[in-house]
Amino acid sequence: MDWLSPVKSFFDFTIPIIDNVPVIRAILGFVLVFFLPGFAWTLVIFKKVNYIERIALSFGLSIALVTLSVLLANVIFNIRITGLNSFLTIIIITVVPLVIYYINRIRRKKSKGQ
C-alpha cells in the first residue's frame, strides 16, 4: 500500500465535486488567492493588531504577494504562468510564514517557561 493512497483517494473524491459545483470552486479560489497568504504574513509581521485590521491587511497583502510572486517566478525563473504553478506558488507563500510563526511561538513558550 502506497503512503499517498489516502491523499489520492481524497482528491479523487473531492476534485469531481469541485469541478461540478462552480460556487465551491469560486469560494475556495477567492479565499486561497485573496485572503490566506496575506493572513499568514500578518501573523508574522504584525504582532499586536486586532482582528478587523488583520483581515483588512490580509486582503491587501494577499493581492500584492500573489501577483508579485507569480510574476517574479515567471520573469526570474522563467516559470510559465499556469494554474498549477500559480497554486504551488500560493501554497509556498502561505506555508513559509506559517512555519516562521509557529517556530517563533514555540521559542516564546520556551523562553517564558525558563
N, C-alpha and C. Protein backbone atom coordinates (compact mmCIF):
# COMPACT_ATOMS: atom_id res chain seq x y z
N MET A 1 0.85 -1.17 0.00
CA MET A 1 0.00 0.00 0.00
C MET A 1 0.89 1.24 0.00
N ASP A 2 0.60 2.12 -0.90
CA ASP A 2 1.37 3.35 -1.03
C ASP A 2 0.96 4.33 0.06
N TRP A 3 1.92 5.08 0.61
CA TRP A 3 1.61 6.01 1.70
C TRP A 3 0.80 7.20 1.23
N LEU A 4 0.79 7.47 -0.08
CA LEU A 4 0.00 8.57 -0.61
C LEU A 4 -1.41 8.16 -1.03
N SER A 5 -1.75 6.90 -0.88
CA SER A 5 -3.07 6.45 -1.34
C SER A 5 -4.23 7.14 -0.61
N PRO A 6 -4.16 7.45 0.70
CA PRO A 6 -5.26 8.19 1.30
C PRO A 6 -5.42 9.59 0.71
N VAL A 7 -4.31 10.24 0.42
CA VAL A 7 -4.37 11.57 -0.18
C VAL A 7 -4.95 11.48 -1.58
N LYS A 8 -4.51 10.49 -2.34
CA LYS A 8 -5.01 10.31 -3.70
C LYS A 8 -6.51 10.01 -3.68
N SER A 9 -6.96 9.17 -2.76
CA SER A 9 -8.39 8.86 -2.70
C SER A 9 -9.20 10.09 -2.28
N PHE A 10 -8.63 10.94 -1.41
CA PHE A 10 -9.32 12.18 -1.02
C PHE A 10 -9.50 13.08 -2.24
N PHE A 11 -8.42 13.27 -3.01
CA PHE A 11 -8.52 14.13 -4.18
C PHE A 11 -9.38 13.51 -5.28
N ASP A 12 -9.36 12.19 -5.41
CA ASP A 12 -10.23 11.53 -6.39
C ASP A 12 -11.70 11.76 -6.04
N PHE A 13 -12.00 11.91 -4.76
CA PHE A 13 -13.37 12.16 -4.33
C PHE A 13 -13.75 13.63 -4.45
N THR A 14 -12.85 14.54 -4.07
CA THR A 14 -13.21 15.96 -3.99
C THR A 14 -13.11 16.71 -5.31
N ILE A 15 -12.18 16.36 -6.17
CA ILE A 15 -11.99 17.13 -7.40
C ILE A 15 -13.22 17.08 -8.31
N PRO A 16 -13.87 15.95 -8.52
CA PRO A 16 -15.09 15.98 -9.34
C PRO A 16 -16.19 16.85 -8.72
N ILE A 17 -16.27 16.88 -7.39
CA ILE A 17 -17.29 17.72 -6.74
C ILE A 17 -16.98 19.18 -7.00
N ILE A 18 -15.71 19.57 -6.84
CA ILE A 18 -15.31 20.96 -7.06
C ILE A 18 -15.51 21.36 -8.51
N ASP A 19 -15.22 20.45 -9.44
CA ASP A 19 -15.40 20.75 -10.86
C ASP A 19 -16.87 20.90 -11.23
N ASN A 20 -17.75 20.15 -10.59
CA ASN A 20 -19.17 20.19 -10.93
C ASN A 20 -19.94 21.29 -10.20
N VAL A 21 -19.39 21.83 -9.14
CA VAL A 21 -20.06 22.89 -8.38
C VAL A 21 -19.17 24.13 -8.43
N PRO A 22 -19.40 25.01 -9.40
CA PRO A 22 -18.50 26.15 -9.57
C PRO A 22 -18.54 27.15 -8.41
N VAL A 23 -19.61 27.15 -7.63
CA VAL A 23 -19.67 28.08 -6.49
C VAL A 23 -18.61 27.71 -5.45
N ILE A 24 -18.47 26.43 -5.17
CA ILE A 24 -17.45 25.97 -4.22
C ILE A 24 -16.06 26.30 -4.74
N ARG A 25 -15.85 26.07 -6.01
CA ARG A 25 -14.55 26.36 -6.63
C ARG A 25 -14.24 27.86 -6.55
N ALA A 26 -15.23 28.70 -6.77
CA ALA A 26 -15.03 30.14 -6.71
C ALA A 26 -14.72 30.60 -5.29
N ILE A 27 -15.43 30.05 -4.32
CA ILE A 27 -15.20 30.43 -2.92
C ILE A 27 -13.81 29.99 -2.48
N LEU A 28 -13.43 28.75 -2.77
CA LEU A 28 -12.11 28.27 -2.41
C LEU A 28 -11.01 29.07 -3.10
N GLY A 29 -11.21 29.40 -4.37
CA GLY A 29 -10.23 30.20 -5.10
C GLY A 29 -10.10 31.59 -4.53
N PHE A 30 -11.22 32.20 -4.17
CA PHE A 30 -11.20 33.54 -3.59
C PHE A 30 -10.43 33.55 -2.28
N VAL A 31 -10.72 32.59 -1.41
CA VAL A 31 -10.05 32.53 -0.11
C VAL A 31 -8.56 32.24 -0.30
N LEU A 32 -8.23 31.34 -1.21
CA LEU A 32 -6.84 30.97 -1.43
C LEU A 32 -6.02 32.11 -2.03
N VAL A 33 -6.60 32.87 -2.93
CA VAL A 33 -5.85 33.93 -3.60
C VAL A 33 -5.91 35.25 -2.84
N PHE A 34 -7.07 35.61 -2.32
CA PHE A 34 -7.26 36.94 -1.77
C PHE A 34 -7.19 37.04 -0.24
N PHE A 35 -7.04 35.92 0.47
CA PHE A 35 -7.05 36.02 1.92
C PHE A 35 -5.91 35.28 2.62
N LEU A 36 -5.76 33.99 2.37
CA LEU A 36 -4.84 33.17 3.15
C LEU A 36 -3.38 33.62 3.14
N PRO A 37 -2.78 33.93 2.00
CA PRO A 37 -1.36 34.35 2.05
C PRO A 37 -1.15 35.61 2.88
N GLY A 38 -2.01 36.58 2.72
CA GLY A 38 -1.89 37.81 3.48
C GLY A 38 -2.12 37.59 4.96
N PHE A 39 -3.08 36.74 5.30
CA PHE A 39 -3.35 36.46 6.71
C PHE A 39 -2.15 35.78 7.36
N ALA A 40 -1.54 34.84 6.64
CA ALA A 40 -0.36 34.16 7.17
C ALA A 40 0.77 35.15 7.41
N TRP A 41 0.98 36.07 6.49
CA TRP A 41 2.05 37.05 6.67
C TRP A 41 1.72 38.07 7.76
N THR A 42 0.45 38.39 7.98
CA THR A 42 0.13 39.32 9.06
C THR A 42 0.40 38.70 10.43
N LEU A 43 0.31 37.38 10.52
CA LEU A 43 0.65 36.72 11.78
C LEU A 43 2.12 36.91 12.12
N VAL A 44 2.97 36.94 11.10
CA VAL A 44 4.41 37.08 11.32
C VAL A 44 4.80 38.54 11.50
N ILE A 45 4.27 39.41 10.67
CA ILE A 45 4.73 40.79 10.63
C ILE A 45 4.09 41.65 11.72
N PHE A 46 2.79 41.57 11.87
CA PHE A 46 2.06 42.44 12.78
C PHE A 46 1.66 41.66 14.03
N LYS A 47 2.35 41.92 15.13
CA LYS A 47 2.11 41.16 16.36
C LYS A 47 0.87 41.64 17.12
N LYS A 48 0.70 42.95 17.25
CA LYS A 48 -0.38 43.47 18.10
C LYS A 48 -1.41 44.21 17.26
N VAL A 49 -2.08 43.48 16.40
CA VAL A 49 -3.12 44.06 15.55
C VAL A 49 -4.41 43.32 15.86
N ASN A 50 -5.52 44.07 15.95
CA ASN A 50 -6.79 43.40 16.23
C ASN A 50 -7.30 42.68 14.97
N TYR A 51 -8.36 41.91 15.13
CA TYR A 51 -8.82 41.02 14.05
C TYR A 51 -9.33 41.78 12.83
N ILE A 52 -10.01 42.88 13.03
CA ILE A 52 -10.54 43.63 11.88
C ILE A 52 -9.41 44.21 11.04
N GLU A 53 -8.41 44.76 11.72
CA GLU A 53 -7.25 45.28 10.99
C GLU A 53 -6.49 44.16 10.30
N ARG A 54 -6.37 43.01 10.96
CA ARG A 54 -5.65 41.87 10.37
C ARG A 54 -6.36 41.37 9.11
N ILE A 55 -7.69 41.34 9.14
CA ILE A 55 -8.44 40.90 7.95
C ILE A 55 -8.27 41.90 6.81
N ALA A 56 -8.35 43.19 7.12
CA ALA A 56 -8.17 44.21 6.08
C ALA A 56 -6.76 44.15 5.49
N LEU A 57 -5.77 44.01 6.34
CA LEU A 57 -4.38 43.90 5.86
C LEU A 57 -4.18 42.62 5.04
N SER A 58 -4.90 41.56 5.41
CA SER A 58 -4.76 40.28 4.71
C SER A 58 -5.15 40.41 3.24
N PHE A 59 -6.22 41.13 2.96
CA PHE A 59 -6.64 41.28 1.57
C PHE A 59 -5.60 42.04 0.76
N GLY A 60 -5.11 43.14 1.30
CA GLY A 60 -4.12 43.93 0.57
C GLY A 60 -2.81 43.18 0.38
N LEU A 61 -2.32 42.54 1.43
CA LEU A 61 -1.08 41.78 1.32
C LEU A 61 -1.22 40.60 0.36
N SER A 62 -2.36 39.92 0.40
CA SER A 62 -2.56 38.78 -0.49
C SER A 62 -2.54 39.19 -1.95
N ILE A 63 -3.24 40.26 -2.27
CA ILE A 63 -3.26 40.71 -3.66
C ILE A 63 -1.86 41.05 -4.13
N ALA A 64 -1.12 41.78 -3.30
CA ALA A 64 0.24 42.17 -3.67
C ALA A 64 1.18 40.97 -3.75
N LEU A 65 1.15 40.11 -2.73
CA LEU A 65 2.09 38.99 -2.69
C LEU A 65 1.84 37.97 -3.79
N VAL A 66 0.60 37.62 -4.02
CA VAL A 66 0.29 36.62 -5.04
C VAL A 66 0.67 37.13 -6.43
N THR A 67 0.28 38.36 -6.72
CA THR A 67 0.59 38.93 -8.03
C THR A 67 2.09 39.02 -8.26
N LEU A 68 2.78 39.60 -7.30
CA LEU A 68 4.23 39.77 -7.46
C LEU A 68 4.97 38.43 -7.48
N SER A 69 4.56 37.48 -6.67
CA SER A 69 5.24 36.18 -6.63
C SER A 69 5.10 35.43 -7.94
N VAL A 70 3.90 35.42 -8.48
CA VAL A 70 3.68 34.71 -9.75
C VAL A 70 4.44 35.39 -10.89
N LEU A 71 4.39 36.71 -10.93
CA LEU A 71 5.10 37.42 -11.99
C LEU A 71 6.61 37.31 -11.84
N LEU A 72 7.13 37.39 -10.62
CA LEU A 72 8.57 37.25 -10.42
C LEU A 72 9.05 35.84 -10.74
N ALA A 73 8.26 34.84 -10.40
CA ALA A 73 8.63 33.46 -10.76
C ALA A 73 8.69 33.31 -12.27
N ASN A 74 7.80 34.00 -12.97
CA ASN A 74 7.80 33.95 -14.44
C ASN A 74 9.01 34.66 -15.00
N VAL A 75 9.32 35.84 -14.50
CA VAL A 75 10.40 36.64 -15.07
C VAL A 75 11.77 36.12 -14.66
N ILE A 76 11.97 35.85 -13.38
CA ILE A 76 13.30 35.48 -12.90
C ILE A 76 13.63 34.02 -13.19
N PHE A 77 12.71 33.12 -12.87
CA PHE A 77 12.98 31.69 -13.03
C PHE A 77 12.42 31.09 -14.31
N ASN A 78 11.79 31.93 -15.12
CA ASN A 78 11.22 31.51 -16.40
C ASN A 78 10.19 30.37 -16.22
N ILE A 79 9.39 30.48 -15.17
CA ILE A 79 8.33 29.50 -14.89
C ILE A 79 7.07 30.01 -15.57
N ARG A 80 6.46 29.16 -16.38
CA ARG A 80 5.23 29.55 -17.07
C ARG A 80 4.11 29.81 -16.07
N ILE A 81 3.24 30.73 -16.41
CA ILE A 81 2.09 31.03 -15.55
C ILE A 81 0.95 30.10 -15.95
N THR A 82 0.77 29.07 -15.15
CA THR A 82 -0.33 28.12 -15.33
C THR A 82 -1.08 28.02 -14.01
N GLY A 83 -2.19 27.35 -14.04
CA GLY A 83 -2.97 27.19 -12.82
C GLY A 83 -2.21 26.43 -11.75
N LEU A 84 -1.56 25.34 -12.13
CA LEU A 84 -0.81 24.53 -11.17
C LEU A 84 0.38 25.30 -10.61
N ASN A 85 1.14 25.98 -11.47
CA ASN A 85 2.29 26.75 -10.99
C ASN A 85 1.86 27.89 -10.08
N SER A 86 0.76 28.54 -10.41
CA SER A 86 0.24 29.60 -9.55
C SER A 86 -0.21 29.04 -8.22
N PHE A 87 -0.87 27.90 -8.23
CA PHE A 87 -1.32 27.25 -7.00
C PHE A 87 -0.14 26.89 -6.11
N LEU A 88 0.90 26.31 -6.70
CA LEU A 88 2.07 25.94 -5.92
C LEU A 88 2.78 27.17 -5.35
N THR A 89 2.84 28.25 -6.12
CA THR A 89 3.43 29.48 -5.62
C THR A 89 2.63 30.03 -4.46
N ILE A 90 1.32 30.01 -4.56
CA ILE A 90 0.45 30.50 -3.47
C ILE A 90 0.63 29.63 -2.23
N ILE A 91 0.71 28.33 -2.41
CA ILE A 91 0.92 27.43 -1.26
C ILE A 91 2.25 27.74 -0.58
N ILE A 92 3.30 27.97 -1.36
CA ILE A 92 4.61 28.27 -0.78
C ILE A 92 4.58 29.58 -0.01
N ILE A 93 3.98 30.63 -0.60
CA ILE A 93 3.97 31.91 0.11
C ILE A 93 2.97 31.92 1.26
N THR A 94 2.19 30.88 1.42
CA THR A 94 1.30 30.75 2.57
C THR A 94 1.94 29.89 3.66
N VAL A 95 2.64 28.85 3.29
CA VAL A 95 3.22 27.92 4.26
C VAL A 95 4.47 28.50 4.93
N VAL A 96 5.29 29.23 4.20
CA VAL A 96 6.53 29.78 4.76
C VAL A 96 6.26 30.67 5.98
N PRO A 97 5.34 31.64 5.92
CA PRO A 97 5.11 32.44 7.13
C PRO A 97 4.46 31.66 8.26
N LEU A 98 3.67 30.64 7.93
CA LEU A 98 3.08 29.83 9.00
C LEU A 98 4.15 29.05 9.75
N VAL A 99 5.14 28.55 9.04
CA VAL A 99 6.26 27.86 9.69
C VAL A 99 7.03 28.84 10.57
N ILE A 100 7.31 30.03 10.06
CA ILE A 100 8.01 31.05 10.84
C ILE A 100 7.20 31.40 12.09
N TYR A 101 5.90 31.57 11.93
CA TYR A 101 5.03 31.92 13.06
C TYR A 101 5.07 30.85 14.14
N TYR A 102 4.96 29.58 13.77
CA TYR A 102 4.96 28.52 14.77
C TYR A 102 6.32 28.34 15.42
N ILE A 103 7.40 28.54 14.68
CA ILE A 103 8.74 28.47 15.28
C ILE A 103 8.90 29.58 16.31
N ASN A 104 8.48 30.80 15.96
CA ASN A 104 8.54 31.91 16.91
C ASN A 104 7.66 31.67 18.13
N ARG A 105 6.52 31.07 17.92
CA ARG A 105 5.60 30.77 19.02
C ARG A 105 6.20 29.75 19.98
N ILE A 106 6.85 28.73 19.44
CA ILE A 106 7.50 27.72 20.28
C ILE A 106 8.66 28.34 21.06
N ARG A 107 9.42 29.21 20.40
CA ARG A 107 10.52 29.90 21.08
C ARG A 107 10.02 30.75 22.25
N ARG A 108 8.92 31.48 22.03
CA ARG A 108 8.38 32.33 23.09
C ARG A 108 7.90 31.49 24.28
N LYS A 109 7.27 30.34 24.00
CA LYS A 109 6.81 29.47 25.08
C LYS A 109 7.98 28.94 25.88
N LYS A 110 9.06 28.55 25.17
CA LYS A 110 10.24 28.03 25.87
C LYS A 110 10.92 29.11 26.70
N SER A 111 10.98 30.33 26.18
CA SER A 111 11.63 31.40 26.93
C SER A 111 10.79 31.84 28.14
N LYS A 112 9.49 31.76 28.05
CA LYS A 112 8.64 32.08 29.20
C LYS A 112 8.69 30.98 30.26
N GLY A 113 8.90 29.75 29.83
CA GLY A 113 8.95 28.62 30.76
C GLY A 113 10.24 28.56 31.55
N GLN A 114 11.30 29.16 31.08
CA GLN A 114 12.60 29.06 31.77
C GLN A 114 12.77 30.10 32.80
